[in-house]
Amino acid sequence: MDSHAEDDAMMDDLRDAYELLYRRSVWHRFKLLREAGVTTTITLFEEPAIDAYGAVTVGEWKGYLIQIIPMLYNDRVVMSPKRSPQVYDFGWCFDKGPAAYLAVAAWDPETQAEPAGYKKAVIAGREAGQDVAGDDLTPGELQSLALFIGMAAVTDSVP
């Protein structure tokens, strides 16, 4: 085995170990969320769903998926429309660790516009009780559509 193949094998092992540690930490934090004993109108899932990018879907509320996304320096709680989970309409940053999970456990989106304790609102402007409005596009879907149309216009105009 040459040195590049050994390096690749070692990186694969490190990636697998990191993923295992990450999944264990998510399970521990999710357990805190489930056992917090705080009443919330968010329907928490029995198990968190973790996608390939590390985003953790912990529950749903009136047409939105409630997700926690690991960032470089923060964890971000986001509300993604169930019909368009690749975008998010609202987001709030929390310190790394269990803060985002505990904020979700204590948050009632029906009566509170934002979860308590966030450091920064990434996409602000949510009102208490605001849910996915029928067939209308949500803010994240509109932004995604605008970006797509803009890219299509630029691509079509290039010779």
Protein backbone atom coordinates (compact mmCIF):
# COMPACT_ATOMS: atom_id res chain seq x y z
CA MET A 1 0.00 0.00 0.00
CA ASP A 2 1.48 3.37 -0.99
CA SER A 3 1.54 6.40 1.32
CA HIS A 4 -1.43 8.05 -0.42
CA ALA A 5 -3.58 4.98 0.05
CA GLU A 6 -2.53 4.80 3.72
CA ASP A 7 -3.38 8.49 4.17
CA ASP A 8 -6.76 7.96 2.51
CA ALA A 9 -7.49 4.95 4.72
CA MET A 10 -6.49 6.90 7.84
CA MET A 11 -8.73 9.85 6.82
CA ASP A 12 -11.63 7.47 6.24
CA ASP A 13 -11.12 6.00 9.71
CA LEU A 14 -10.96 9.49 11.27
CA ARG A 15 -14.09 10.55 9.39
CA ASP A 16 -15.93 7.43 10.59
CA ALA A 17 -14.79 8.03 14.20
CA TYR A 18 -15.86 11.68 14.04
CA GLU A 19 -19.25 10.75 12.64
CA LEU A 20 -19.75 8.19 15.43
CA LEU A 21 -18.80 10.74 18.10
CA TYR A 22 -21.05 13.36 16.52
CA ARG A 23 -24.01 10.97 16.40
CA ARG A 24 -23.45 10.01 20.06
CA SER A 25 -23.35 13.67 21.12
CA VAL A 26 -26.55 14.31 19.14
CA TRP A 27 -28.25 11.38 20.88
CA HIS A 28 -27.15 12.69 24.27
CA ARG A 29 -28.44 16.20 23.52
CA PHE A 30 -31.65 14.84 22.03
CA LYS A 31 -32.16 12.82 25.22
CA LEU A 32 -31.85 16.09 27.18
CA LEU A 33 -34.48 17.58 24.90
CA ARG A 34 -36.90 14.69 25.40
CA GLU A 35 -36.35 14.55 29.17
CA ALA A 36 -36.47 18.30 29.83
CA GLY A 37 -40.04 17.91 31.03
CA VAL A 38 -41.07 21.24 29.53
CA THR A 39 -44.32 21.45 27.61
CA THR A 40 -43.93 22.48 23.99
CA THR A 41 -46.29 22.48 21.01
CA ILE A 42 -43.48 21.09 18.83
CA THR A 43 -44.04 17.42 18.06
CA LEU A 44 -40.69 15.88 18.96
CA PHE A 45 -39.65 12.80 17.01
CA GLU A 46 -38.87 9.55 18.79
CA GLU A 47 -35.43 9.61 17.15
CA PRO A 48 -33.53 12.51 15.61
CA ALA A 49 -32.90 12.34 11.88
CA ILE A 50 -29.34 13.31 10.95
CA ASP A 51 -28.60 14.16 7.33
CA ALA A 52 -25.27 13.90 5.48
CA TYR A 53 -24.34 17.46 6.51
CA GLY A 54 -24.97 16.93 10.22
CA ALA A 55 -28.30 18.75 10.36
CA VAL A 56 -30.49 17.18 13.05
CA THR A 57 -34.26 17.18 12.56
CA VAL A 58 -35.77 16.95 16.05
CA GLY A 59 -39.45 17.57 15.42
CA GLU A 60 -42.16 19.36 13.50
CA TRP A 61 -44.68 22.11 14.04
CA LYS A 62 -47.52 23.19 11.71
CA GLY A 63 -45.82 22.50 8.39
CA TYR A 64 -42.28 23.22 9.58
CA LEU A 65 -39.43 20.88 10.42
CA ILE A 66 -37.51 22.00 13.50
CA GLN A 67 -33.84 21.40 12.86
CA ILE A 68 -30.53 22.03 14.61
CA ILE A 69 -27.61 22.66 12.29
CA PRO A 70 -24.01 22.56 13.52
CA MET A 71 -22.07 25.64 12.40
CA LEU A 72 -18.38 26.36 12.88
CA TYR A 73 -18.79 28.38 16.09
CA ASN A 74 -22.51 27.95 16.87
CA ASP A 75 -25.44 25.61 16.62
CA ARG A 76 -28.39 27.01 14.67
CA VAL A 77 -32.08 26.25 15.25
CA VAL A 78 -33.99 26.59 11.98
CA MET A 79 -37.54 26.21 10.75
CA SER A 80 -37.66 24.51 7.34
CA PRO A 81 -40.91 24.02 5.42
CA LYS A 82 -41.67 20.28 5.30
CA ARG A 83 -42.35 20.54 1.58
CA SER A 84 -38.96 22.27 0.97
CA PRO A 85 -36.53 21.01 3.62
CA GLN A 86 -33.52 22.26 1.67
CA VAL A 87 -34.37 25.88 2.61
CA TYR A 88 -35.16 27.48 5.91
CA ASP A 89 -37.37 30.43 6.73
CA PHE A 90 -36.10 31.40 10.17
CA GLY A 91 -32.92 30.71 12.12
CA TRP A 92 -31.31 31.49 15.47
CA CYS A 93 -27.72 30.85 16.62
CA PHE A 94 -26.84 29.39 20.02
CA ASP A 95 -23.57 28.56 21.77
CA LYS A 96 -22.19 25.12 20.93
CA GLY A 97 -23.43 22.39 23.23
CA PRO A 98 -26.89 21.60 24.55
CA ALA A 99 -28.22 25.22 24.44
CA ALA A 100 -30.04 24.85 21.10
CA TYR A 101 -31.63 21.55 22.15
CA LEU A 102 -32.81 22.96 25.48
CA ALA A 103 -34.15 26.09 23.76
CA VAL A 104 -36.23 23.90 21.43
CA ALA A 105 -37.53 21.93 24.42
CA ALA A 106 -38.73 25.14 26.10
CA TRP A 107 -40.01 26.91 22.97
CA ASP A 108 -43.69 27.22 22.10
CA PRO A 109 -43.83 28.56 18.51
CA GLU A 110 -47.56 29.13 18.94
CA THR A 111 -47.07 31.84 21.58
CA GLN A 112 -43.39 32.81 21.17
CA ALA A 113 -41.93 34.24 17.96
CA GLU A 114 -38.40 33.03 18.75
CA PRO A 115 -36.73 30.48 21.02
CA ALA A 116 -35.26 31.96 24.19
CA GLY A 117 -31.53 32.45 24.70
CA TYR A 118 -30.30 32.85 21.15
CA LYS A 119 -27.16 34.90 20.38
CA LYS A 120 -28.13 36.03 16.90
CA ALA A 121 -31.21 35.88 14.71
CA VAL A 122 -30.07 34.81 11.24
CA ILE A 123 -33.41 35.26 9.53
CA ALA A 124 -35.63 37.33 11.78
CA GLY A 125 -39.17 38.59 11.51
CA ARG A 126 -41.19 35.58 12.60
CA GLU A 127 -44.39 36.30 14.48
CA ALA A 128 -45.78 34.05 17.21
CA GLY A 129 -48.04 31.41 15.70
CA GLN A 130 -46.77 32.00 12.14
CA ASP A 131 -46.95 28.71 10.28
CA VAL A 132 -46.63 27.54 6.67
CA ALA A 133 -49.42 29.39 4.88
CA GLY A 134 -51.19 26.86 2.66
CA ASP A 135 -49.97 26.92 -0.93
CA ASP A 136 -48.23 30.31 -0.62
CA LEU A 137 -44.46 30.28 -0.86
CA THR A 138 -42.62 30.73 2.43
CA PRO A 139 -39.81 33.33 2.84
CA GLY A 140 -37.11 30.70 2.33
CA GLU A 141 -38.84 29.29 -0.74
CA LEU A 142 -39.18 32.79 -2.23
CA GLN A 143 -35.49 33.50 -1.63
CA SER A 144 -34.50 30.15 -3.17
CA LEU A 145 -36.73 30.83 -6.20
CA ALA A 146 -35.28 34.33 -6.62
CA LEU A 147 -31.75 32.90 -6.55
CA PHE A 148 -32.70 30.23 -9.09
CA ILE A 149 -34.31 32.78 -11.44
CA GLY A 150 -31.30 35.05 -11.08
CA MET A 151 -28.89 32.23 -11.87
CA ALA A 152 -31.03 31.13 -14.83
CA ALA A 153 -31.10 34.71 -16.16
CA VAL A 154 -27.31 35.01 -15.86
CA THR A 155 -26.74 31.57 -17.38
CA ASP A 156 -29.12 32.27 -20.28
CA SER A 157 -27.42 35.58 -21.07
CA VAL A 158 -23.91 34.11 -21.28
CA PRO A 159 -22.98 33.28 -24.92
